[in-house]
Amino acid sequence: MSEWSLYIIKTRLDTLYTGVTTDVARRFKEHSGIKKGGARYLNGKGPLELVWHQTVGSRSNALVLEYRVKQLTKRQKLQIVSGQLSVFSLIEEASV
C-alpha cells in the first residue's frame, strides 16, 4: 500500500493550490508542464513552487485533509507552510 502525501504549490500569482498524491515529485512535474497530466487550474500560472508537502498515510486521510485544507483561508494555509499549524490537527477538529 502506497503512502499518500498532501502538498501545497504556490503560483506566480501568489495563489496556493492544494493536492494529494503518492509521488510528490512526479505530480509537481505534471503540474509544471514537464510531464502530461497537471491540473487545469495551474495552466498558465507558472512558474510554480512546491512550498510544502507532508506524508499523511492512507488515501482516506489524504482526501479528508485535502478537503479541510481547501476550506482554510490563505493565512491559515501559510501557517501550515511555515509549520505554525499542523495538518493533523485538522483531522482532530473534524472528529470532535
Protein backbone atom coordinates (compact mmCIF):
# COMPACT_ATOMS: atom_id res chain seq x y z
CA MET A 1 0.00 0.00 0.00
CA SER A 2 1.37 3.41 -1.00
CA GLU A 3 1.90 6.30 1.37
CA TRP A 4 -0.13 9.34 0.38
CA SER A 5 1.08 12.92 0.66
CA LEU A 6 -0.63 16.28 0.82
CA TYR A 7 1.12 19.18 -0.92
CA ILE A 8 0.80 22.91 -1.46
CA ILE A 9 2.04 24.71 -4.58
CA LYS A 10 2.47 28.47 -4.88
CA THR A 11 1.86 30.10 -8.29
CA ARG A 12 3.47 33.21 -9.73
CA LEU A 13 0.18 34.97 -8.97
CA ASP A 14 0.76 34.16 -5.28
CA THR A 15 -2.18 31.75 -5.08
CA LEU A 16 -1.94 28.42 -3.27
CA TYR A 17 -3.01 25.10 -4.77
CA THR A 18 -3.52 22.00 -2.60
CA GLY A 19 -3.47 18.42 -3.82
CA VAL A 20 -2.75 14.79 -2.88
CA THR A 21 -0.57 12.15 -4.48
CA THR A 22 1.57 9.10 -3.83
CA ASP A 23 4.53 10.71 -5.66
CA VAL A 24 5.03 14.42 -4.98
CA ALA A 25 7.98 14.85 -7.39
CA ARG A 26 6.10 13.27 -10.30
CA ARG A 27 2.94 15.24 -9.60
CA PHE A 28 4.85 18.52 -9.39
CA LYS A 29 6.45 17.77 -12.79
CA GLU A 30 2.98 17.18 -14.21
CA HIS A 31 1.70 20.47 -12.80
CA SER A 32 4.80 22.31 -14.07
CA GLY A 33 4.20 21.07 -17.61
CA ILE A 34 7.31 18.88 -17.70
CA LYS A 35 5.04 15.82 -17.87
CA LYS A 36 1.47 15.50 -19.10
CA GLY A 37 -1.41 15.46 -16.64
CA GLY A 38 -1.26 18.59 -14.49
CA ALA A 39 -4.27 20.35 -13.01
CA ARG A 40 -6.11 22.68 -15.38
CA TYR A 41 -6.22 25.34 -12.63
CA LEU A 42 -2.43 25.68 -12.77
CA ASN A 43 -2.18 26.15 -16.55
CA GLY A 44 -0.52 29.49 -17.33
CA LYS A 45 0.14 30.29 -13.67
CA GLY A 46 3.82 29.23 -13.64
CA PRO A 47 6.48 29.26 -12.61
CA LEU A 48 5.24 27.10 -9.79
CA GLU A 49 6.92 26.48 -6.46
CA LEU A 50 6.33 23.45 -4.27
CA VAL A 51 6.23 25.17 -0.88
CA TRP A 52 5.15 22.31 1.39
CA HIS A 53 4.38 18.60 1.45
CA GLN A 54 3.70 16.05 4.16
CA THR A 55 3.16 12.30 4.15
CA VAL A 56 -0.28 11.71 5.65
CA GLY A 57 -0.72 7.94 5.43
CA SER A 58 -3.76 6.46 3.73
CA ARG A 59 -5.67 7.76 0.73
CA SER A 60 -8.64 8.33 3.01
CA ASN A 61 -6.58 10.56 5.34
CA ALA A 62 -5.17 12.41 2.35
CA LEU A 63 -8.60 13.17 0.89
CA VAL A 64 -10.02 14.31 4.23
CA LEU A 65 -7.03 16.59 4.81
CA GLU A 66 -7.13 17.95 1.26
CA TYR A 67 -10.77 18.91 1.74
CA ARG A 68 -10.08 20.51 5.12
CA VAL A 69 -7.07 22.49 3.83
CA LYS A 70 -9.05 23.75 0.84
CA GLN A 71 -11.57 25.19 3.33
CA LEU A 72 -8.88 27.23 5.10
CA THR A 73 -8.02 30.86 4.46
CA LYS A 74 -4.80 31.73 2.69
CA ARG A 75 -3.39 32.93 6.01
CA GLN A 76 -4.09 29.56 7.62
CA LYS A 77 -2.53 27.71 4.67
CA LEU A 78 0.59 29.85 5.06
CA GLN A 79 0.66 28.83 8.73
CA ILE A 80 0.81 25.20 7.57
CA VAL A 81 3.65 26.05 5.18
CA SER A 82 5.59 27.82 7.95
CA GLY A 83 4.99 25.00 10.44
CA GLN A 84 2.80 27.04 12.79
CA LEU A 85 -0.25 24.84 12.12
CA SER A 86 -0.25 21.04 11.86
CA VAL A 87 -2.45 19.47 9.21
CA PHE A 88 -3.08 16.58 11.57
CA SER A 89 -4.89 18.98 13.91
CA LEU A 90 -7.45 19.35 11.11
CA ILE A 91 -8.37 15.68 11.39
CA GLU A 92 -8.76 16.03 15.15
CA GLU A 93 -11.03 19.07 14.66
CA ALA A 94 -13.15 17.14 12.16
CA SER A 95 -13.74 14.26 14.56
CA VAL A 96 -14.78 16.44 17.52
